[in-house]
Amino acid sequence: MNKQAVIKLIRLVIADMTLSDNIIVEEDTPLIGISSQFDSMDLVMMTAMVEQELEGQGHDISIMSDKAFSLKNSPFRTVGTLAEYIESEINA
């Protein structure tokens, strides 16, 4: 699975969470911080839903892992950085 496919999956999960297709989710959309549209519970829910979707596709990874939280640059900064992290975990 490549980065663009992961971004598409994240977009679909966010649309399901918000029950709206009107939210614009781009690669540089912030997931954490002041400019984020999401709170911490949204992030946890979104990552759990992404993990569930990935598991359904045969990819058993944990996004909210010690590894993810110990990285110097958080993979949770933007949709793109999260997609890169997920892609690297799938391809590891």
N, C-alpha and C. Protein backbone atom coordinates (compact mmCIF):
# COMPACT_ATOMS: atom_id res chain seq x y z
N MET A 1 0.86 -1.18 0.00
CA MET A 1 0.00 0.00 0.00
C MET A 1 0.90 1.23 0.00
N ASN A 2 0.62 2.15 -0.91
CA ASN A 2 1.45 3.36 -0.99
C ASN A 2 0.82 4.52 -0.21
N LYS A 3 1.58 5.59 -0.12
CA LYS A 3 1.16 6.75 0.68
C LYS A 3 -0.18 7.32 0.21
N GLN A 4 -0.37 7.43 -1.11
CA GLN A 4 -1.62 8.01 -1.61
C GLN A 4 -2.82 7.15 -1.27
N ALA A 5 -2.64 5.83 -1.27
CA ALA A 5 -3.73 4.93 -0.89
C ALA A 5 -4.05 5.09 0.59
N VAL A 6 -3.03 5.29 1.41
CA VAL A 6 -3.26 5.49 2.85
C VAL A 6 -3.97 6.83 3.08
N ILE A 7 -3.56 7.87 2.37
CA ILE A 7 -4.23 9.17 2.49
C ILE A 7 -5.71 9.03 2.11
N LYS A 8 -5.99 8.31 1.05
CA LYS A 8 -7.38 8.08 0.64
C LYS A 8 -8.16 7.37 1.74
N LEU A 9 -7.54 6.38 2.37
CA LEU A 9 -8.18 5.65 3.47
C LEU A 9 -8.45 6.59 4.65
N ILE A 10 -7.48 7.42 4.99
CA ILE A 10 -7.65 8.38 6.10
C ILE A 10 -8.80 9.33 5.78
N ARG A 11 -8.87 9.81 4.54
CA ARG A 11 -9.97 10.71 4.13
C ARG A 11 -11.32 10.03 4.31
N LEU A 12 -11.42 8.77 3.88
CA LEU A 12 -12.68 8.04 4.02
C LEU A 12 -13.07 7.86 5.48
N VAL A 13 -12.10 7.56 6.32
CA VAL A 13 -12.37 7.38 7.75
C VAL A 13 -12.85 8.69 8.36
N ILE A 14 -12.19 9.79 8.02
CA ILE A 14 -12.59 11.09 8.56
C ILE A 14 -13.99 11.45 8.08
N ALA A 15 -14.31 11.16 6.83
CA ALA A 15 -15.66 11.43 6.31
C ALA A 15 -16.68 10.60 7.06
N ASP A 16 -16.36 9.34 7.36
CA ASP A 16 -17.27 8.49 8.14
C ASP A 16 -17.44 9.03 9.56
N MET A 17 -16.35 9.48 10.16
CA MET A 17 -16.40 10.00 11.54
C MET A 17 -17.27 11.24 11.63
N THR A 18 -17.13 12.12 10.65
CA THR A 18 -17.82 13.40 10.71
C THR A 18 -19.18 13.34 10.02
N LEU A 19 -19.45 12.21 9.36
CA LEU A 19 -20.68 12.04 8.59
C LEU A 19 -20.85 13.14 7.56
N SER A 20 -19.70 13.56 6.99
CA SER A 20 -19.73 14.63 6.00
C SER A 20 -18.62 14.43 4.97
N ASP A 21 -18.95 14.66 3.73
CA ASP A 21 -17.94 14.65 2.67
C ASP A 21 -17.44 16.07 2.40
N ASN A 22 -17.95 17.04 3.16
CA ASN A 22 -17.61 18.44 2.92
C ASN A 22 -16.32 18.88 3.59
N ILE A 23 -15.78 18.06 4.50
CA ILE A 23 -14.54 18.42 5.16
C ILE A 23 -13.39 18.15 4.20
N ILE A 24 -12.58 19.16 3.97
CA ILE A 24 -11.45 19.02 3.06
C ILE A 24 -10.27 18.47 3.83
N VAL A 25 -9.79 17.30 3.41
CA VAL A 25 -8.66 16.65 4.05
C VAL A 25 -7.57 16.51 3.00
N GLU A 26 -6.51 17.27 3.20
CA GLU A 26 -5.36 17.25 2.29
C GLU A 26 -4.17 16.62 3.00
N GLU A 27 -3.11 16.42 2.27
CA GLU A 27 -1.90 15.83 2.84
C GLU A 27 -1.35 16.68 3.99
N ASP A 28 -1.50 18.00 3.89
CA ASP A 28 -0.96 18.88 4.92
C ASP A 28 -1.98 19.27 6.00
N THR A 29 -3.13 18.61 6.03
CA THR A 29 -4.13 18.87 7.05
C THR A 29 -3.58 18.47 8.41
N PRO A 30 -3.52 19.42 9.37
CA PRO A 30 -2.98 19.10 10.70
C PRO A 30 -3.90 18.18 11.49
N LEU A 31 -3.31 17.21 12.16
CA LEU A 31 -4.07 16.30 13.02
C LEU A 31 -3.94 16.67 14.49
N ILE A 32 -2.87 17.38 14.83
CA ILE A 32 -2.65 17.83 16.21
C ILE A 32 -2.25 19.30 16.18
N GLY A 33 -2.38 19.95 17.31
CA GLY A 33 -1.97 21.35 17.42
C GLY A 33 -3.13 22.31 17.31
N ILE A 34 -2.82 23.56 17.42
CA ILE A 34 -3.83 24.63 17.44
C ILE A 34 -4.63 24.68 16.15
N SER A 35 -3.99 24.45 15.00
CA SER A 35 -4.71 24.55 13.73
C SER A 35 -5.48 23.30 13.35
N SER A 36 -5.44 22.29 14.19
CA SER A 36 -6.14 21.05 13.89
C SER A 36 -7.64 21.21 14.13
N GLN A 37 -8.43 20.55 13.29
CA GLN A 37 -9.88 20.52 13.45
C GLN A 37 -10.30 19.39 14.39
N PHE A 38 -9.31 18.61 14.85
CA PHE A 38 -9.59 17.40 15.62
C PHE A 38 -9.07 17.53 17.04
N ASP A 39 -9.80 16.95 17.99
CA ASP A 39 -9.29 16.90 19.35
C ASP A 39 -8.64 15.54 19.57
N SER A 40 -8.12 15.32 20.77
CA SER A 40 -7.37 14.09 21.03
C SER A 40 -8.25 12.84 20.90
N MET A 41 -9.50 12.94 21.29
CA MET A 41 -10.41 11.80 21.15
C MET A 41 -10.70 11.50 19.69
N ASP A 42 -10.82 12.54 18.88
CA ASP A 42 -11.00 12.35 17.43
C ASP A 42 -9.80 11.60 16.85
N LEU A 43 -8.60 11.98 17.28
CA LEU A 43 -7.39 11.34 16.77
C LEU A 43 -7.34 9.87 17.16
N VAL A 44 -7.68 9.57 18.40
CA VAL A 44 -7.69 8.18 18.86
C VAL A 44 -8.73 7.38 18.08
N MET A 45 -9.91 7.95 17.91
CA MET A 45 -10.98 7.26 17.19
C MET A 45 -10.59 7.04 15.72
N MET A 46 -10.01 8.07 15.11
CA MET A 46 -9.61 7.97 13.71
C MET A 46 -8.53 6.91 13.52
N THR A 47 -7.53 6.89 14.39
CA THR A 47 -6.46 5.89 14.23
C THR A 47 -7.00 4.47 14.46
N ALA A 48 -7.92 4.31 15.40
CA ALA A 48 -8.52 2.99 15.64
C ALA A 48 -9.30 2.53 14.41
N MET A 49 -10.03 3.45 13.79
CA MET A 49 -10.81 3.11 12.60
C MET A 49 -9.89 2.79 11.41
N VAL A 50 -8.79 3.54 11.29
CA VAL A 50 -7.83 3.26 10.22
C VAL A 50 -7.20 1.88 10.44
N GLU A 51 -6.81 1.59 11.68
CA GLU A 51 -6.25 0.27 12.00
C GLU A 51 -7.24 -0.84 11.63
N GLN A 52 -8.50 -0.63 11.95
CA GLN A 52 -9.53 -1.62 11.65
C GLN A 52 -9.66 -1.83 10.13
N GLU A 53 -9.67 -0.74 9.39
CA GLU A 53 -9.75 -0.84 7.92
C GLU A 53 -8.52 -1.56 7.36
N LEU A 54 -7.35 -1.23 7.89
CA LEU A 54 -6.12 -1.87 7.42
C LEU A 54 -6.13 -3.36 7.74
N GLU A 55 -6.62 -3.70 8.92
CA GLU A 55 -6.71 -5.10 9.32
C GLU A 55 -7.61 -5.87 8.34
N GLY A 56 -8.69 -5.24 7.93
CA GLY A 56 -9.58 -5.85 6.96
C GLY A 56 -8.93 -6.08 5.61
N GLN A 57 -7.85 -5.34 5.35
CA GLN A 57 -7.10 -5.49 4.11
C GLN A 57 -5.86 -6.38 4.30
N GLY A 58 -5.75 -6.98 5.49
CA GLY A 58 -4.64 -7.90 5.74
C GLY A 58 -3.40 -7.27 6.33
N HIS A 59 -3.49 -6.04 6.81
CA HIS A 59 -2.34 -5.35 7.41
C HIS A 59 -2.58 -5.20 8.91
N ASP A 60 -1.81 -5.93 9.69
CA ASP A 60 -1.97 -5.89 11.15
C ASP A 60 -0.89 -5.01 11.75
N ILE A 61 -1.21 -3.71 11.90
CA ILE A 61 -0.24 -2.78 12.48
C ILE A 61 -0.91 -2.00 13.61
N SER A 62 -0.08 -1.48 14.50
CA SER A 62 -0.56 -0.63 15.58
C SER A 62 -0.04 0.79 15.34
N ILE A 63 -0.94 1.71 15.08
CA ILE A 63 -0.55 3.09 14.81
C ILE A 63 -0.17 3.81 16.10
N MET A 64 -0.96 3.63 17.15
CA MET A 64 -0.72 4.28 18.44
C MET A 64 0.23 3.41 19.27
N SER A 65 1.45 3.28 18.80
CA SER A 65 2.42 2.41 19.47
C SER A 65 3.49 3.25 20.16
N ASP A 66 4.25 2.59 21.02
CA ASP A 66 5.39 3.25 21.67
C ASP A 66 6.36 3.78 20.62
N LYS A 67 6.53 3.01 19.55
CA LYS A 67 7.43 3.42 18.47
C LYS A 67 6.99 4.76 17.88
N ALA A 68 5.70 4.89 17.60
CA ALA A 68 5.18 6.12 17.00
C ALA A 68 5.37 7.31 17.93
N PHE A 69 5.14 7.10 19.22
CA PHE A 69 5.26 8.21 20.17
C PHE A 69 6.70 8.54 20.53
N SER A 70 7.63 7.63 20.24
CA SER A 70 9.02 7.89 20.60
C SER A 70 9.82 8.52 19.46
N LEU A 71 9.23 8.64 18.30
CA LEU A 71 9.93 9.25 17.17
C LEU A 71 10.18 10.73 17.42
N LYS A 72 11.31 11.22 16.94
CA LYS A 72 11.67 12.63 17.12
C LYS A 72 10.62 13.54 16.48
N ASN A 73 10.19 13.19 15.27
CA ASN A 73 9.13 13.94 14.58
C ASN A 73 7.86 13.10 14.61
N SER A 74 6.86 13.60 15.29
CA SER A 74 5.61 12.86 15.47
C SER A 74 4.96 12.54 14.12
N PRO A 75 4.55 11.29 13.94
CA PRO A 75 3.83 10.95 12.73
C PRO A 75 2.40 11.49 12.72
N PHE A 76 1.96 12.05 13.83
CA PHE A 76 0.59 12.54 13.96
C PHE A 76 0.45 14.02 13.62
N ARG A 77 1.50 14.65 13.08
CA ARG A 77 1.46 16.08 12.76
C ARG A 77 0.41 16.40 11.70
N THR A 78 0.46 15.66 10.59
CA THR A 78 -0.46 15.91 9.48
C THR A 78 -0.96 14.59 8.90
N VAL A 79 -1.92 14.68 8.02
CA VAL A 79 -2.41 13.49 7.33
C VAL A 79 -1.26 12.84 6.55
N GLY A 80 -0.43 13.66 5.92
CA GLY A 80 0.69 13.15 5.14
C GLY A 80 1.73 12.44 5.98
N THR A 81 2.08 13.02 7.14
CA THR A 81 3.09 12.36 7.99
C THR A 81 2.54 11.07 8.57
N LEU A 82 1.26 11.04 8.87
CA LEU A 82 0.65 9.81 9.37
C LEU A 82 0.63 8.75 8.26
N ALA A 83 0.29 9.16 7.05
CA ALA A 83 0.28 8.23 5.92
C ALA A 83 1.67 7.66 5.66
N GLU A 84 2.70 8.50 5.76
CA GLU A 84 4.08 8.02 5.58
C GLU A 84 4.43 6.99 6.65
N TYR A 85 4.05 7.26 7.88
CA TYR A 85 4.33 6.33 8.98
C TYR A 85 3.62 4.99 8.75
N ILE A 86 2.35 5.06 8.38
CA ILE A 86 1.57 3.84 8.14
C ILE A 86 2.18 3.06 6.98
N GLU A 87 2.52 3.75 5.90
CA GLU A 87 3.14 3.09 4.75
C GLU A 87 4.43 2.38 5.16
N SER A 88 5.26 3.04 5.98
CA SER A 88 6.52 2.43 6.40
C SER A 88 6.28 1.21 7.29
N GLU A 89 5.24 1.26 8.13
CA GLU A 89 4.92 0.12 8.99
C GLU A 89 4.39 -1.06 8.16
N ILE A 90 3.59 -0.76 7.16
CA ILE A 90 3.06 -1.83 6.31
C ILE A 90 4.19 -2.50 5.54
N ASN A 91 5.12 -1.69 5.05
CA ASN A 91 6.19 -2.22 4.21
C ASN A 91 7.39 -2.72 5.00
N ALA A 92 7.32 -2.65 6.33
CA ALA A 92 8.46 -3.09 7.15
C ALA A 92 8.56 -4.61 7.17
